Amino acid sequence: MFSIITVNFKSSDRLSMLLESLVRFEQQNLYELIVVNNDKDDDLAALKARYPHVIWVEPLWNIGFGSACNLGRSKAKGDTLIFANPDIVWTEPILAELERTIKRQTGIGIWGIRQTNDDGTLQPSIRHFPRPTDLFLLLLKLPTFFPSLHRRWLWENFDYQKEQSIEQVMGAFLVMRTVAFDEIAGFDPWFFLWYEEVDLCKRASIAGWGIRYLPGLSVRHGKGKSFARVGTWRKQAYVRKSIRRYARKHFHWMVWPWFYIGEPVFLCASLVVSALARKRI
């Protein structure tokens, strides 16, 4: 059985679409759905009444994405976890075929599938693990002006028609064996928002679990719909904090301190780019 875990934050409208699509396309005996509500101001009463089979979890406050996923896992009974953003919509039945694939691919711990935009076009969802230079460039905002600097990290030549081993799956829709999730102690709760799935994939890879992309299955992802409701300044602060955490965990001891030392420069770069963006509006 699959345990589908989604974290709600200012997304009740999109969450409603997710729930409706699941009921439409999937047999209820194949999954349980766990919704962790990280937004006490988002009234979910109507959804709770309409979908009584859903497991609703209510933290006392916004505990962050990774911690909310871990909380959802604590309620899960399935042998496979699916972490799906509330802006994911099922467009076809995928669970039965996914279950067959998981049983066959015994050495794989994480899977990603094809994601599409709301208009049906392909949404890139596979990346390489970031190197220190990738994250330095990101914090300096240079790819804003020179996008080619991140061509390798973004894996721009990735063949989305081919099943293959990969490094990192976008966290909007991430499938993981429960045993693999538990073995690496789940999401690192110190990532409040962003890069928690990069760290999860990195630690799973280090632990020996394979990561695989499946092109024959797909979902629709309204990318950024919920986080668009979070202020840009706060989002930038979350990104910088998460990158510092990732650097400290996975980069050499002579490298990661520079992500802390450079914070004033990174902050200034963020201010400049934000000001330019406002000027263009």
C-alpha atoms as a PDB file:
ATOM      1  CA  MET A   1       0.000   0.000   0.000  1.00  0.00           C
ATOM      2  CA  PHE A   2       1.066   3.573  -0.686  1.00  0.00           C
ATOM      3  CA  SER A   3       1.016   6.264   1.979  1.00  0.00           C
ATOM      4  CA  ILE A   4       0.588   9.575   0.166  1.00  0.00           C
ATOM      5  CA  ILE A   5       1.711  12.479   2.337  1.00  0.00           C
ATOM      6  CA  THR A   6       1.001  16.095   1.460  1.00  0.00           C
ATOM      7  CA  VAL A   7       1.710  19.253   3.439  1.00  0.00           C
ATOM      8  CA  ASN A   8      -0.811  22.068   3.210  1.00  0.00           C
ATOM      9  CA  PHE A   9       0.223  25.709   3.476  1.00  0.00           C
ATOM     10  CA  LYS A  10      -2.161  28.318   2.065  1.00  0.00           C
ATOM     11  CA  SER A  11      -3.207  25.768  -0.541  1.00  0.00           C
ATOM     12  CA  SER A  12      -6.741  24.597   0.249  1.00  0.00           C
ATOM     13  CA  ASP A  13      -7.884  25.368  -3.315  1.00  0.00           C
ATOM     14  CA  ARG A  14      -5.099  23.286  -4.880  1.00  0.00           C
ATOM     15  CA  LEU A  15      -5.459  20.591  -2.215  1.00  0.00           C
ATOM     16  CA  SER A  16      -9.095  20.199  -3.217  1.00  0.00           C
ATOM     17  CA  MET A  17      -7.990  19.469  -6.797  1.00  0.00           C
ATOM     18  CA  LEU A  18      -5.461  16.895  -5.570  1.00  0.00           C
ATOM     19  CA  LEU A  19      -8.070  15.068  -3.473  1.00  0.00           C
ATOM     20  CA  GLU A  20     -10.616  15.086  -6.277  1.00  0.00           C
ATOM     21  CA  SER A  21      -8.108  13.724  -8.805  1.00  0.00           C
ATOM     22  CA  LEU A  22      -7.007  10.920  -6.479  1.00  0.00           C
ATOM     23  CA  VAL A  23     -10.582   9.776  -5.926  1.00  0.00           C
ATOM     24  CA  ARG A  24     -11.223   9.949  -9.670  1.00  0.00           C
ATOM     25  CA  PHE A  25      -8.216   7.951 -10.857  1.00  0.00           C
ATOM     26  CA  GLU A  26      -7.075   5.613  -8.072  1.00  0.00           C
ATOM     27  CA  GLN A  27      -8.634   2.675  -6.250  1.00  0.00           C
ATOM     28  CA  GLN A  28      -8.940   3.593  -2.593  1.00  0.00           C
ATOM     29  CA  ASN A  29      -7.571   0.225  -1.431  1.00  0.00           C
ATOM     30  CA  LEU A  30      -4.194   1.064  -3.030  1.00  0.00           C
ATOM     31  CA  TYR A  31      -3.416   4.055  -0.840  1.00  0.00           C
ATOM     32  CA  GLU A  32      -3.977   6.076   2.277  1.00  0.00           C
ATOM     33  CA  LEU A  33      -3.772   9.856   2.141  1.00  0.00           C
ATOM     34  CA  ILE A  34      -2.282  11.876   4.977  1.00  0.00           C
ATOM     35  CA  VAL A  35      -2.629  15.660   4.969  1.00  0.00           C
ATOM     36  CA  VAL A  36      -0.461  17.628   7.399  1.00  0.00           C
ATOM     37  CA  ASN A  37      -1.906  21.117   7.769  1.00  0.00           C
ATOM     38  CA  ASN A  38       0.912  23.594   8.377  1.00  0.00           C
ATOM     39  CA  ASP A  39      -1.433  26.596   8.159  1.00  0.00           C
ATOM     40  CA  LYS A  40      -3.859  27.070  11.034  1.00  0.00           C
ATOM     41  CA  ASP A  41      -5.499  29.973   9.178  1.00  0.00           C
ATOM     42  CA  ASP A  42      -6.446  27.798   6.203  1.00  0.00           C
ATOM     43  CA  ASP A  43      -9.958  26.483   6.870  1.00  0.00           C
ATOM     44  CA  LEU A  44     -10.107  22.856   5.757  1.00  0.00           C
ATOM     45  CA  ALA A  45     -13.462  22.026   7.382  1.00  0.00           C
ATOM     46  CA  ALA A  46     -15.266  21.553   4.058  1.00  0.00           C
ATOM     47  CA  LEU A  47     -12.545  19.243   2.733  1.00  0.00           C
ATOM     48  CA  LYS A  48     -12.537  17.229   5.955  1.00  0.00           C
ATOM     49  CA  ALA A  49     -16.283  16.702   5.670  1.00  0.00           C
ATOM     50  CA  ARG A  50     -16.073  15.774   1.982  1.00  0.00           C
ATOM     51  CA  TYR A  51     -13.133  13.369   2.348  1.00  0.00           C
ATOM     52  CA  PRO A  52     -13.572  11.516   5.657  1.00  0.00           C
ATOM     53  CA  HIS A  53     -11.178   8.732   4.572  1.00  0.00           C
ATOM     54  CA  VAL A  54      -8.249  11.179   4.640  1.00  0.00           C
ATOM     55  CA  ILE A  55      -6.009  11.227   7.725  1.00  0.00           C
ATOM     56  CA  TRP A  56      -5.829  14.869   8.836  1.00  0.00           C
ATOM     57  CA  VAL A  57      -2.883  15.899  11.012  1.00  0.00           C
ATOM     58  CA  GLU A  58      -2.841  19.304  12.709  1.00  0.00           C
ATOM     59  CA  PRO A  59       0.477  20.530  14.186  1.00  0.00           C
ATOM     60  CA  LEU A  60       0.163  23.348  16.709  1.00  0.00           C
ATOM     61  CA  TRP A  61       2.172  25.666  14.424  1.00  0.00           C
ATOM     62  CA  ASN A  62       3.980  25.699  11.080  1.00  0.00           C
ATOM     63  CA  ILE A  63       6.747  23.176  11.731  1.00  0.00           C
ATOM     64  CA  GLY A  64       8.323  23.396   8.260  1.00  0.00           C
ATOM     65  CA  PHE A  65       8.047  21.105   5.280  1.00  0.00           C
ATOM     66  CA  GLY A  66      10.535  18.389   6.273  1.00  0.00           C
ATOM     67  CA  SER A  67       9.225  18.090   9.822  1.00  0.00           C
ATOM     68  CA  ALA A  68       5.649  17.945   8.528  1.00  0.00           C
ATOM     69  CA  CYS A  69       6.593  15.109   6.159  1.00  0.00           C
ATOM     70  CA  ASN A  70       8.214  13.261   9.061  1.00  0.00           C
ATOM     71  CA  LEU A  71       5.048  13.766  11.098  1.00  0.00           C
ATOM     72  CA  GLY A  72       3.011  12.379   8.216  1.00  0.00           C
ATOM     73  CA  ARG A  73       5.337   9.366   8.060  1.00  0.00           C
ATOM     74  CA  SER A  74       4.684   8.696  11.756  1.00  0.00           C
ATOM     75  CA  LYS A  75       0.999   8.155  10.866  1.00  0.00           C
ATOM     76  CA  ALA A  76       1.697   6.109   7.724  1.00  0.00           C
ATOM     77  CA  LYS A  77       1.142   2.360   7.378  1.00  0.00           C
ATOM     78  CA  GLY A  78       2.223   1.860   3.771  1.00  0.00           C
ATOM     79  CA  ASP A  79       5.426   0.169   2.650  1.00  0.00           C
ATOM     80  CA  THR A  80       5.940   2.948   0.086  1.00  0.00           C
ATOM     81  CA  LEU A  81       5.711   6.677   0.740  1.00  0.00           C
ATOM     82  CA  ILE A  82       4.721   9.302  -1.819  1.00  0.00           C
ATOM     83  CA  PHE A  83       5.482  12.897  -0.886  1.00  0.00           C
ATOM     84  CA  ALA A  84       3.208  14.999  -3.087  1.00  0.00           C
ATOM     85  CA  ASN A  85       2.816  18.767  -2.953  1.00  0.00           C
ATOM     86  CA  PRO A  86      -0.777  19.995  -2.647  1.00  0.00           C
ATOM     87  CA  ASP A  87      -0.458  21.480  -6.151  1.00  0.00           C
ATOM     88  CA  ILE A  88      -0.033  17.992  -7.664  1.00  0.00           C
ATOM     89  CA  VAL A  89      -2.962  16.664  -9.705  1.00  0.00           C
ATOM     90  CA  TRP A  90      -3.436  13.069 -10.849  1.00  0.00           C
ATOM     91  CA  THR A  91      -4.187  12.910 -14.584  1.00  0.00           C
ATOM     92  CA  GLU A  92      -4.181   9.118 -14.913  1.00  0.00           C
ATOM     93  CA  PRO A  93      -4.058   6.006 -12.700  1.00  0.00           C
ATOM     94  CA  ILE A  94      -0.416   5.367 -11.787  1.00  0.00           C
ATOM     95  CA  LEU A  95      -0.332   3.484  -8.471  1.00  0.00           C
ATOM     96  CA  ALA A  96      -0.906  -0.066  -9.760  1.00  0.00           C
ATOM     97  CA  GLU A  97       1.909   0.208 -12.325  1.00  0.00           C
ATOM     98  CA  LEU A  98       4.137   1.992  -9.821  1.00  0.00           C
ATOM     99  CA  GLU A  99       3.593  -0.834  -7.345  1.00  0.00           C
ATOM    100  CA  ARG A 100       4.644  -3.421  -9.933  1.00  0.00           C
ATOM    101  CA  THR A 101       7.773  -1.435 -10.753  1.00  0.00           C
ATOM    102  CA  ILE A 102       8.765  -1.062  -7.101  1.00  0.00           C
ATOM    103  CA  LYS A 103       8.429  -4.801  -6.499  1.00  0.00           C
ATOM    104  CA  ARG A 104      10.662  -5.470  -9.501  1.00  0.00           C
ATOM    105  CA  GLN A 105      13.362  -2.860  -8.778  1.00  0.00           C
ATOM    106  CA  THR A 106      14.497  -4.152  -5.403  1.00  0.00           C
ATOM    107  CA  GLY A 107      17.686  -2.084  -5.078  1.00  0.00           C
ATOM    108  CA  ILE A 108      15.997   1.239  -5.745  1.00  0.00           C
ATOM    109  CA  GLY A 109      14.943   3.429  -2.814  1.00  0.00           C
ATOM    110  CA  ILE A 110      13.615   6.570  -4.536  1.00  0.00           C
ATOM    111  CA  TRP A 111      11.693   7.144  -7.769  1.00  0.00           C
ATOM    112  CA  GLY A 112      10.708  10.194  -9.728  1.00  0.00           C
ATOM    113  CA  ILE A 113       8.128  10.277 -12.511  1.00  0.00           C
ATOM    114  CA  ARG A 114       7.308  12.640 -15.355  1.00  0.00           C
ATOM    115  CA  GLN A 115       5.838  15.961 -14.212  1.00  0.00           C
ATOM    116  CA  THR A 116       3.927  18.326 -16.465  1.00  0.00           C
ATOM    117  CA  ASN A 117       2.862  21.952 -16.156  1.00  0.00           C
ATOM    118  CA  ASP A 118      -0.788  22.964 -15.986  1.00  0.00           C
ATOM    119  CA  ASP A 119      -0.771  23.406 -19.772  1.00  0.00           C
ATOM    120  CA  GLY A 120       0.509  19.850 -20.287  1.00  0.00           C
ATOM    121  CA  THR A 121       4.071  20.740 -21.255  1.00  0.00           C
ATOM    122  CA  LEU A 122       7.019  18.940 -19.706  1.00  0.00           C
ATOM    123  CA  GLN A 123       8.257  20.301 -16.390  1.00  0.00           C
ATOM    124  CA  PRO A 124      11.957  19.616 -15.717  1.00  0.00           C
ATOM    125  CA  SER A 125      12.170  17.758 -12.410  1.00  0.00           C
ATOM    126  CA  ILE A 126      15.552  15.972 -12.433  1.00  0.00           C
ATOM    127  CA  ARG A 127      18.854  17.537 -11.387  1.00  0.00           C
ATOM    128  CA  HIS A 128      22.403  16.624 -10.544  1.00  0.00           C
ATOM    129  CA  PHE A 129      23.520  17.095  -6.959  1.00  0.00           C
ATOM    130  CA  PRO A 130      24.777  20.665  -6.563  1.00  0.00           C
ATOM    131  CA  ARG A 131      28.486  21.363  -6.304  1.00  0.00           C
ATOM    132  CA  PRO A 132      29.823  24.216  -4.135  1.00  0.00           C
ATOM    133  CA  THR A 133      30.286  26.391  -7.230  1.00  0.00           C
ATOM    134  CA  ASP A 134      26.647  25.817  -8.243  1.00  0.00           C
ATOM    135  CA  LEU A 135      25.385  27.098  -4.913  1.00  0.00           C
ATOM    136  CA  PHE A 136      27.847  29.988  -4.729  1.00  0.00           C
ATOM    137  CA  LEU A 137      26.700  31.159  -8.159  1.00  0.00           C
ATOM    138  CA  LEU A 138      23.064  30.797  -7.106  1.00  0.00           C
ATOM    139  CA  LEU A 139      23.586  32.879  -3.968  1.00  0.00           C
ATOM    140  CA  LEU A 140      25.421  35.541  -5.961  1.00  0.00           C
ATOM    141  CA  LYS A 141      22.419  35.590  -8.358  1.00  0.00           C
ATOM    142  CA  LEU A 142      24.688  35.312 -11.400  1.00  0.00           C
ATOM    143  CA  PRO A 143      22.503  32.701 -13.195  1.00  0.00           C
ATOM    144  CA  THR A 144      19.766  35.362 -13.242  1.00  0.00           C
ATOM    145  CA  PHE A 145      21.862  37.134 -15.865  1.00  0.00           C
ATOM    146  CA  PHE A 146      23.800  34.127 -17.222  1.00  0.00           C
ATOM    147  CA  PRO A 147      21.461  31.091 -17.156  1.00  0.00           C
ATOM    148  CA  SER A 148      24.008  28.840 -18.871  1.00  0.00           C
ATOM    149  CA  LEU A 149      26.065  28.794 -15.651  1.00  0.00           C
ATOM    150  CA  HIS A 150      23.629  26.245 -14.217  1.00  0.00           C
ATOM    151  CA  ARG A 151      23.251  24.086 -17.310  1.00  0.00           C
ATOM    152  CA  ARG A 152      25.066  21.114 -15.734  1.00  0.00           C
ATOM    153  CA  TRP A 153      23.326  21.340 -12.341  1.00  0.00           C
ATOM    154  CA  LEU A 154      19.886  21.625 -13.956  1.00  0.00           C
ATOM    155  CA  TRP A 155      20.755  18.651 -16.195  1.00  0.00           C
ATOM    156  CA  GLU A 156      19.368  20.482 -19.206  1.00  0.00           C
ATOM    157  CA  ASN A 157      20.253  17.663 -21.607  1.00  0.00           C
ATOM    158  CA  PHE A 158      18.390  15.046 -19.536  1.00  0.00           C
ATOM    159  CA  ASP A 159      16.338  12.663 -21.683  1.00  0.00           C
ATOM    160  CA  TYR A 160      12.862  12.601 -20.126  1.00  0.00           C
ATOM    161  CA  GLN A 161      11.791   9.854 -22.541  1.00  0.00           C
ATOM    162  CA  LYS A 162      14.249   7.314 -21.110  1.00  0.00           C
ATOM    163  CA  GLU A 163      14.066   5.329 -17.864  1.00  0.00           C
ATOM    164  CA  GLN A 164      17.397   5.729 -16.115  1.00  0.00           C
ATOM    165  CA  SER A 165      19.297   6.138 -12.877  1.00  0.00           C
ATOM    166  CA  ILE A 166      19.424   9.720 -11.597  1.00  0.00           C
ATOM    167  CA  GLU A 167      20.774  11.733  -8.686  1.00  0.00           C
ATOM    168  CA  GLN A 168      18.031  14.035  -7.439  1.00  0.00           C
ATOM    169  CA  VAL A 169      14.241  14.114  -7.733  1.00  0.00           C
ATOM    170  CA  MET A 170      12.172  17.272  -7.334  1.00  0.00           C
ATOM    171  CA  GLY A 171      10.402  17.061  -3.974  1.00  0.00           C
ATOM    172  CA  ALA A 172       7.019  18.002  -5.456  1.00  0.00           C
ATOM    173  CA  PHE A 173       6.448  14.305  -6.201  1.00  0.00           C
ATOM    174  CA  LEU A 174       8.898  11.897  -4.650  1.00  0.00           C
ATOM    175  CA  VAL A 175       8.318   8.158  -4.185  1.00  0.00           C
ATOM    176  CA  MET A 176      10.384   6.349  -1.537  1.00  0.00           C
ATOM    177  CA  ARG A 177      10.447   2.963   0.122  1.00  0.00           C
ATOM    178  CA  THR A 178       9.424   3.319   3.747  1.00  0.00           C
ATOM    179  CA  VAL A 179      12.338   1.115   4.833  1.00  0.00           C
ATOM    180  CA  ALA A 180      14.792   3.419   3.009  1.00  0.00           C
ATOM    181  CA  PHE A 181      13.175   6.526   4.505  1.00  0.00           C
ATOM    182  CA  ASP A 182      13.416   5.086   8.002  1.00  0.00           C
ATOM    183  CA  GLU A 183      16.980   3.859   7.496  1.00  0.00           C
ATOM    184  CA  ILE A 184      18.224   7.409   6.902  1.00  0.00           C
ATOM    185  CA  ALA A 185      15.907   8.900   9.566  1.00  0.00           C
ATOM    186  CA  GLY A 186      13.691  10.735   7.099  1.00  0.00           C
ATOM    187  CA  PHE A 187      13.903  14.411   6.311  1.00  0.00           C
ATOM    188  CA  ASP A 188      16.360  16.560   8.211  1.00  0.00           C
ATOM    189  CA  PRO A 189      14.050  18.834  10.271  1.00  0.00           C
ATOM    190  CA  TRP A 190      16.641  21.635  10.215  1.00  0.00           C
ATOM    191  CA  PHE A 191      15.650  22.327   6.608  1.00  0.00           C
ATOM    192  CA  PHE A 192      12.550  24.428   7.226  1.00  0.00           C
ATOM    193  CA  LEU A 193      11.895  24.909   3.528  1.00  0.00           C
ATOM    194  CA  TRP A 194      13.833  24.046   0.351  1.00  0.00           C
ATOM    195  CA  TYR A 195      16.735  21.658  -0.253  1.00  0.00           C
ATOM    196  CA  GLU A 196      15.284  19.085   2.135  1.00  0.00           C
ATOM    197  CA  GLU A 197      14.666  16.699  -0.784  1.00  0.00           C
ATOM    198  CA  VAL A 198      18.178  17.308  -2.163  1.00  0.00           C
ATOM    199  CA  ASP A 199      19.593  16.313   1.210  1.00  0.00           C
ATOM    200  CA  LEU A 200      17.228  13.323   1.405  1.00  0.00           C
ATOM    201  CA  CYS A 201      18.340  12.024  -2.006  1.00  0.00           C
ATOM    202  CA  LYS A 202      21.992  12.649  -1.172  1.00  0.00           C
ATOM    203  CA  ARG A 203      21.812  10.687   2.083  1.00  0.00           C
ATOM    204  CA  ALA A 204      19.860   7.850   0.438  1.00  0.00           C
ATOM    205  CA  SER A 205      22.500   7.653  -2.285  1.00  0.00           C
ATOM    206  CA  ILE A 206      25.304   7.591   0.290  1.00  0.00           C
ATOM    207  CA  ALA A 207      23.453   4.783   2.100  1.00  0.00           C
ATOM    208  CA  GLY A 208      23.525   2.718  -1.101  1.00  0.00           C
ATOM    209  CA  TRP A 209      19.960   3.157  -2.342  1.00  0.00           C
ATOM    210  CA  GLY A 210      19.448   3.662  -6.070  1.00  0.00           C
ATOM    211  CA  ILE A 211      17.380   6.549  -7.441  1.00  0.00           C
ATOM    212  CA  ARG A 212      15.400   6.000 -10.646  1.00  0.00           C
ATOM    213  CA  TYR A 213      13.357   8.043 -13.112  1.00  0.00           C
ATOM    214  CA  LEU A 214      10.225   6.501 -14.682  1.00  0.00           C
ATOM    215  CA  PRO A 215       9.045   8.270 -17.868  1.00  0.00           C
ATOM    216  CA  GLY A 216       5.907   6.183 -18.403  1.00  0.00           C
ATOM    217  CA  LEU A 217       4.003   7.619 -15.426  1.00  0.00           C
ATOM    218  CA  SER A 218       3.080  11.255 -14.952  1.00  0.00           C
ATOM    219  CA  VAL A 219       1.297  13.791 -12.766  1.00  0.00           C
ATOM    220  CA  ARG A 220       0.543  17.478 -13.254  1.00  0.00           C
ATOM    221  CA  HIS A 221       2.306  19.996 -11.031  1.00  0.00           C
ATOM    222  CA  GLY A 222       1.135  23.586 -10.616  1.00  0.00           C
ATOM    223  CA  LYS A 223       4.687  24.599  -9.783  1.00  0.00           C
ATOM    224  CA  GLY A 224       5.083  27.228  -7.091  1.00  0.00           C
ATOM    225  CA  LYS A 225       1.367  27.924  -6.677  1.00  0.00           C
ATOM    226  CA  SER A 226       1.403  27.627  -2.881  1.00  0.00           C
ATOM    227  CA  PHE A 227       4.849  29.103  -2.273  1.00  0.00           C
ATOM    228  CA  ALA A 228       3.964  32.065  -4.508  1.00  0.00           C
ATOM    229  CA  ARG A 229       1.866  33.174  -1.537  1.00  0.00           C
ATOM    230  CA  VAL A 230       4.955  33.433   0.657  1.00  0.00           C
ATOM    231  CA  GLY A 231       6.757  36.782   0.586  1.00  0.00           C
ATOM    232  CA  THR A 232       9.856  36.933  -1.631  1.00  0.00           C
ATOM    233  CA  TRP A 233      12.041  38.220   1.204  1.00  0.00           C
ATOM    234  CA  ARG A 234      11.106  35.279   3.423  1.00  0.00           C
ATOM    235  CA  LYS A 235      11.656  32.811   0.592  1.00  0.00           C
ATOM    236  CA  GLN A 236      15.135  34.154  -0.059  1.00  0.00           C
ATOM    237  CA  ALA A 237      15.987  33.882   3.647  1.00  0.00           C
ATOM    238  CA  TYR A 238      14.800  30.265   3.692  1.00  0.00           C
ATOM    239  CA  VAL A 239      16.882  29.459   0.600  1.00  0.00           C
ATOM    240  CA  ARG A 240      20.082  30.916   2.064  1.00  0.00           C
ATOM    241  CA  LYS A 241      19.576  29.140   5.390  1.00  0.00           C
ATOM    242  CA  SER A 242      18.883  25.799   3.705  1.00  0.00           C
ATOM    243  CA  ILE A 243      21.923  26.124   1.453  1.00  0.00           C
ATOM    244  CA  ARG A 244      24.124  26.786   4.502  1.00  0.00           C
ATOM    245  CA  ARG A 245      22.740  23.651   6.111  1.00  0.00           C
ATOM    246  CA  TYR A 246      23.309  21.563   2.983  1.00  0.00           C
ATOM    247  CA  ALA A 247      26.848  22.899   2.575  1.00  0.00           C
ATOM    248  CA  ARG A 248      27.755  22.108   6.164  1.00  0.00           C
ATOM    249  CA  LYS A 249      26.507  18.538   5.808  1.00  0.00           C
ATOM    250  CA  HIS A 250      27.889  17.633   2.404  1.00  0.00           C
ATOM    251  CA  PHE A 251      30.829  19.858   1.496  1.00  0.00           C
ATOM    252  CA  HIS A 252      34.446  19.752   2.652  1.00  0.00           C
ATOM    253  CA  TRP A 253      35.278  21.463   5.963  1.00  0.00           C
ATOM    254  CA  MET A 254      37.442  23.980   4.080  1.00  0.00           C
ATOM    255  CA  VAL A 255      34.509  24.911   1.825  1.00  0.00           C
ATOM    256  CA  TRP A 256      31.301  25.073   3.836  1.00  0.00           C
ATOM    257  CA  PRO A 257      32.339  27.930   6.211  1.00  0.00           C
ATOM    258  CA  TRP A 258      32.421  30.280   3.205  1.00  0.00           C
ATOM    259  CA  PHE A 259      28.664  29.926   2.873  1.00  0.00           C
ATOM    260  CA  TYR A 260      28.407  31.522   6.340  1.00  0.00           C
ATOM    261  CA  ILE A 261      31.176  34.084   5.843  1.00  0.00           C
ATOM    262  CA  GLY A 262      29.653  35.204   2.550  1.00  0.00           C
ATOM    263  CA  GLU A 263      26.144  35.780   3.937  1.00  0.00           C
ATOM    264  CA  PRO A 264      26.410  39.632   3.837  1.00  0.00           C
ATOM    265  CA  VAL A 265      27.434  39.463   0.162  1.00  0.00           C
ATOM    266  CA  PHE A 266      24.666  36.974  -0.657  1.00  0.00           C
ATOM    267  CA  LEU A 267      22.137  39.177   1.128  1.00  0.00           C
ATOM    268  CA  CYS A 268      23.215  42.213  -0.883  1.00  0.00           C
ATOM    269  CA  ALA A 269      22.987  40.236  -4.129  1.00  0.00           C
ATOM    270  CA  SER A 270      19.454  39.203  -3.220  1.00  0.00           C
ATOM    271  CA  LEU A 271      18.500  42.833  -2.507  1.00  0.00           C
ATOM    272  CA  VAL A 272      19.909  44.034  -5.834  1.00  0.00           C
ATOM    273  CA  VAL A 273      18.108  41.388  -7.891  1.00  0.00           C
ATOM    274  CA  SER A 274      14.840  41.994  -6.002  1.00  0.00           C
ATOM    275  CA  ALA A 275      15.125  45.727  -6.668  1.00  0.00           C
ATOM    276  CA  LEU A 276      15.761  45.127 -10.368  1.00  0.00           C
ATOM    277  CA  ALA A 277      12.781  42.785 -10.558  1.00  0.00           C
ATOM    278  CA  ARG A 278      10.494  45.400  -8.973  1.00  0.00           C
ATOM    279  CA  LYS A 279      11.776  48.011 -11.420  1.00  0.00           C
ATOM    280  CA  ARG A 280      10.829  45.796 -14.392  1.00  0.00           C
ATOM    281  CA  ILE A 281       7.271  45.283 -13.125  1.00  0.00           C
END
